[in-house]
């Protein structure tokens, strides 16, 4: 089945699209974490963003398994 991919959590193409939305959000959080580490010259500056990204990926995996 081919569904259009969306990255807007308010408008997923179908329930099957929700994991993709969550993974996209996780990617953005990882990018922000890297930017913070670089800007602040601190290895731990982006840790909260990384933690959220990991949780988003876990949620995406759980949802994918249930669909």
N, C-alpha and C. Protein backbone atom coordinates (compact mmCIF):
# COMPACT_ATOMS: atom_id res chain seq x y z
N UNK A 1 0.85 -1.17 0.00
CA UNK A 1 0.00 0.00 0.00
C UNK A 1 0.90 1.23 0.00
N UNK A 2 0.59 2.17 -0.86
CA UNK A 2 1.39 3.39 -0.97
C UNK A 2 0.63 4.56 -0.40
N UNK A 3 1.17 5.15 0.66
CA UNK A 3 0.56 6.31 1.28
C UNK A 3 1.46 7.52 1.08
N UNK A 4 0.86 8.67 0.81
CA UNK A 4 1.71 9.86 0.74
C UNK A 4 2.35 10.11 2.10
N UNK A 5 3.62 10.46 2.10
CA UNK A 5 4.32 10.70 3.36
C UNK A 5 4.06 12.13 3.82
N UNK A 6 3.77 12.27 5.09
CA UNK A 6 3.59 13.59 5.67
C UNK A 6 4.46 13.69 6.91
N UNK A 7 4.86 14.89 7.22
CA UNK A 7 5.64 15.10 8.44
C UNK A 7 4.88 16.00 9.40
N UNK A 8 3.60 16.21 9.14
CA UNK A 8 2.76 17.05 9.99
C UNK A 8 1.89 16.15 10.85
N UNK A 9 2.14 16.15 12.16
CA UNK A 9 1.39 15.28 13.06
C UNK A 9 -0.10 15.58 13.03
N UNK A 10 -0.48 16.79 12.68
CA UNK A 10 -1.90 17.14 12.60
C UNK A 10 -2.56 16.60 11.35
N UNK A 11 -1.79 16.19 10.36
CA UNK A 11 -2.34 15.73 9.09
C UNK A 11 -1.67 14.46 8.57
N UNK A 12 -1.50 13.42 9.40
CA UNK A 12 -0.91 12.21 8.82
C UNK A 12 -1.86 11.62 7.78
N UNK A 13 -1.30 11.06 6.73
CA UNK A 13 -2.10 10.51 5.65
C UNK A 13 -2.97 9.35 6.13
N UNK A 14 -2.50 8.64 7.14
CA UNK A 14 -3.22 7.51 7.71
C UNK A 14 -2.54 7.16 9.04
N UNK A 15 -3.15 6.28 9.82
CA UNK A 15 -2.47 5.88 11.06
C UNK A 15 -1.07 5.32 10.80
N UNK A 16 -0.90 4.67 9.66
CA UNK A 16 0.41 4.12 9.33
C UNK A 16 1.45 5.22 9.13
N UNK A 17 1.02 6.45 8.91
CA UNK A 17 1.94 7.55 8.71
C UNK A 17 2.48 8.15 10.00
N UNK A 18 1.85 7.84 11.13
CA UNK A 18 2.27 8.44 12.40
C UNK A 18 3.71 8.08 12.76
N UNK A 19 4.17 6.83 12.61
CA UNK A 19 5.58 6.55 12.90
C UNK A 19 6.54 7.40 12.08
N UNK A 20 6.21 7.65 10.82
CA UNK A 20 7.08 8.50 9.99
C UNK A 20 7.14 9.91 10.54
N UNK A 21 6.01 10.42 10.99
CA UNK A 21 5.97 11.77 11.56
C UNK A 21 6.85 11.83 12.81
N UNK A 22 6.74 10.82 13.65
CA UNK A 22 7.54 10.79 14.87
C UNK A 22 9.02 10.68 14.57
N UNK A 23 9.37 9.87 13.57
CA UNK A 23 10.78 9.74 13.20
C UNK A 23 11.33 11.04 12.62
N UNK A 24 10.51 11.74 11.85
CA UNK A 24 10.93 13.03 11.31
C UNK A 24 11.18 14.02 12.46
N UNK A 25 10.29 14.03 13.43
CA UNK A 25 10.48 14.91 14.59
C UNK A 25 11.76 14.53 15.34
N UNK A 26 12.03 13.24 15.46
CA UNK A 26 13.25 12.78 16.13
C UNK A 26 14.48 13.26 15.38
N UNK A 27 14.46 13.17 14.05
CA UNK A 27 15.59 13.65 13.25
C UNK A 27 15.86 15.12 13.53
N UNK A 28 14.79 15.91 13.59
CA UNK A 28 14.95 17.34 13.87
C UNK A 28 15.53 17.58 15.26
N UNK A 29 15.11 16.78 16.22
CA UNK A 29 15.63 16.92 17.59
C UNK A 29 17.12 16.57 17.62
N UNK A 30 17.53 15.52 16.90
CA UNK A 30 18.95 15.17 16.83
C UNK A 30 19.76 16.32 16.20
N UNK A 31 19.21 16.93 15.15
CA UNK A 31 19.90 18.05 14.51
C UNK A 31 20.06 19.21 15.48
N UNK A 32 19.00 19.51 16.22
CA UNK A 32 19.06 20.60 17.19
C UNK A 32 20.07 20.30 18.29
N UNK A 33 20.11 19.05 18.72
CA UNK A 33 21.07 18.65 19.75
C UNK A 33 22.50 18.88 19.26
N UNK A 34 22.77 18.50 18.03
CA UNK A 34 24.11 18.67 17.47
C UNK A 34 24.46 20.16 17.36
N UNK A 35 23.50 20.96 16.95
CA UNK A 35 23.75 22.40 16.85
C UNK A 35 24.07 23.00 18.22
N UNK A 36 23.34 22.58 19.24
CA UNK A 36 23.59 23.09 20.59
C UNK A 36 24.96 22.68 21.09
N UNK A 37 25.32 21.41 20.88
CA UNK A 37 26.65 20.94 21.31
C UNK A 37 27.74 21.77 20.66
N UNK A 38 27.56 22.05 19.38
CA UNK A 38 28.56 22.82 18.65
C UNK A 38 28.58 24.28 19.12
N UNK A 39 27.42 24.89 19.25
CA UNK A 39 27.36 26.30 19.63
C UNK A 39 27.86 26.53 21.05
N UNK A 40 27.54 25.63 21.94
CA UNK A 40 27.90 25.81 23.35
C UNK A 40 29.24 25.15 23.68
N UNK A 41 29.83 24.45 22.70
CA UNK A 41 31.10 23.75 22.92
C UNK A 41 31.01 22.85 24.16
N UNK A 42 29.89 22.16 24.26
CA UNK A 42 29.65 21.26 25.40
C UNK A 42 29.09 19.95 24.88
N UNK A 43 29.69 18.86 25.29
CA UNK A 43 29.23 17.55 24.86
C UNK A 43 27.87 17.16 25.39
N UNK A 44 27.40 17.86 26.42
CA UNK A 44 26.11 17.50 27.02
C UNK A 44 25.01 18.53 26.75
N UNK A 45 25.34 19.58 26.02
CA UNK A 45 24.38 20.67 25.81
C UNK A 45 23.09 20.20 25.16
N UNK A 46 23.15 19.26 24.25
CA UNK A 46 21.96 18.81 23.55
C UNK A 46 21.30 17.58 24.13
N UNK A 47 21.75 17.16 25.31
CA UNK A 47 21.22 15.91 25.88
C UNK A 47 19.70 15.88 26.03
N UNK A 48 19.04 16.94 26.48
CA UNK A 48 17.58 16.86 26.57
C UNK A 48 16.93 16.61 25.21
N UNK A 49 17.46 17.23 24.16
CA UNK A 49 16.91 17.04 22.83
C UNK A 49 17.15 15.60 22.36
N UNK A 50 18.34 15.08 22.65
CA UNK A 50 18.65 13.71 22.27
C UNK A 50 17.72 12.73 23.00
N UNK A 51 17.48 12.97 24.29
CA UNK A 51 16.60 12.11 25.06
C UNK A 51 15.19 12.09 24.45
N UNK A 52 14.70 13.24 24.07
CA UNK A 52 13.37 13.32 23.46
C UNK A 52 13.36 12.58 22.13
N UNK A 53 14.41 12.74 21.34
CA UNK A 53 14.49 12.06 20.04
C UNK A 53 14.45 10.54 20.22
N UNK A 54 15.18 10.04 21.20
CA UNK A 54 15.18 8.60 21.47
C UNK A 54 13.77 8.13 21.83
N UNK A 55 13.08 8.89 22.66
CA UNK A 55 11.72 8.51 23.05
C UNK A 55 10.76 8.56 21.87
N UNK A 56 10.93 9.53 20.99
CA UNK A 56 10.09 9.60 19.79
C UNK A 56 10.32 8.38 18.90
N UNK A 57 11.58 7.98 18.74
CA UNK A 57 11.87 6.79 17.94
C UNK A 57 11.27 5.54 18.57
N UNK A 58 11.36 5.43 19.88
CA UNK A 58 10.76 4.27 20.57
C UNK A 58 9.25 4.24 20.37
N UNK A 59 8.62 5.40 20.49
CA UNK A 59 7.17 5.47 20.27
C UNK A 59 6.83 5.07 18.84
N UNK A 60 7.61 5.55 17.88
CA UNK A 60 7.37 5.19 16.48
C UNK A 60 7.48 3.68 16.29
N UNK A 61 8.47 3.06 16.90
CA UNK A 61 8.63 1.61 16.79
C UNK A 61 7.45 0.87 17.41
N UNK A 62 7.01 1.31 18.58
CA UNK A 62 5.86 0.66 19.24
C UNK A 62 4.60 0.79 18.40
N UNK A 63 4.37 1.95 17.86
CA UNK A 63 3.17 2.15 17.03
C UNK A 63 3.25 1.29 15.78
N UNK A 64 4.40 1.27 15.14
CA UNK A 64 4.57 0.48 13.91
C UNK A 64 4.28 -1.00 14.16
N UNK A 65 4.75 -1.51 15.30
CA UNK A 65 4.50 -2.92 15.62
C UNK A 65 3.02 -3.20 15.84
N UNK A 66 2.29 -2.24 16.34
CA UNK A 66 0.87 -2.46 16.65
C UNK A 66 -0.04 -2.31 15.43
N UNK A 67 0.47 -1.70 14.37
CA UNK A 67 -0.38 -1.50 13.18
C UNK A 67 -0.41 -2.70 12.28
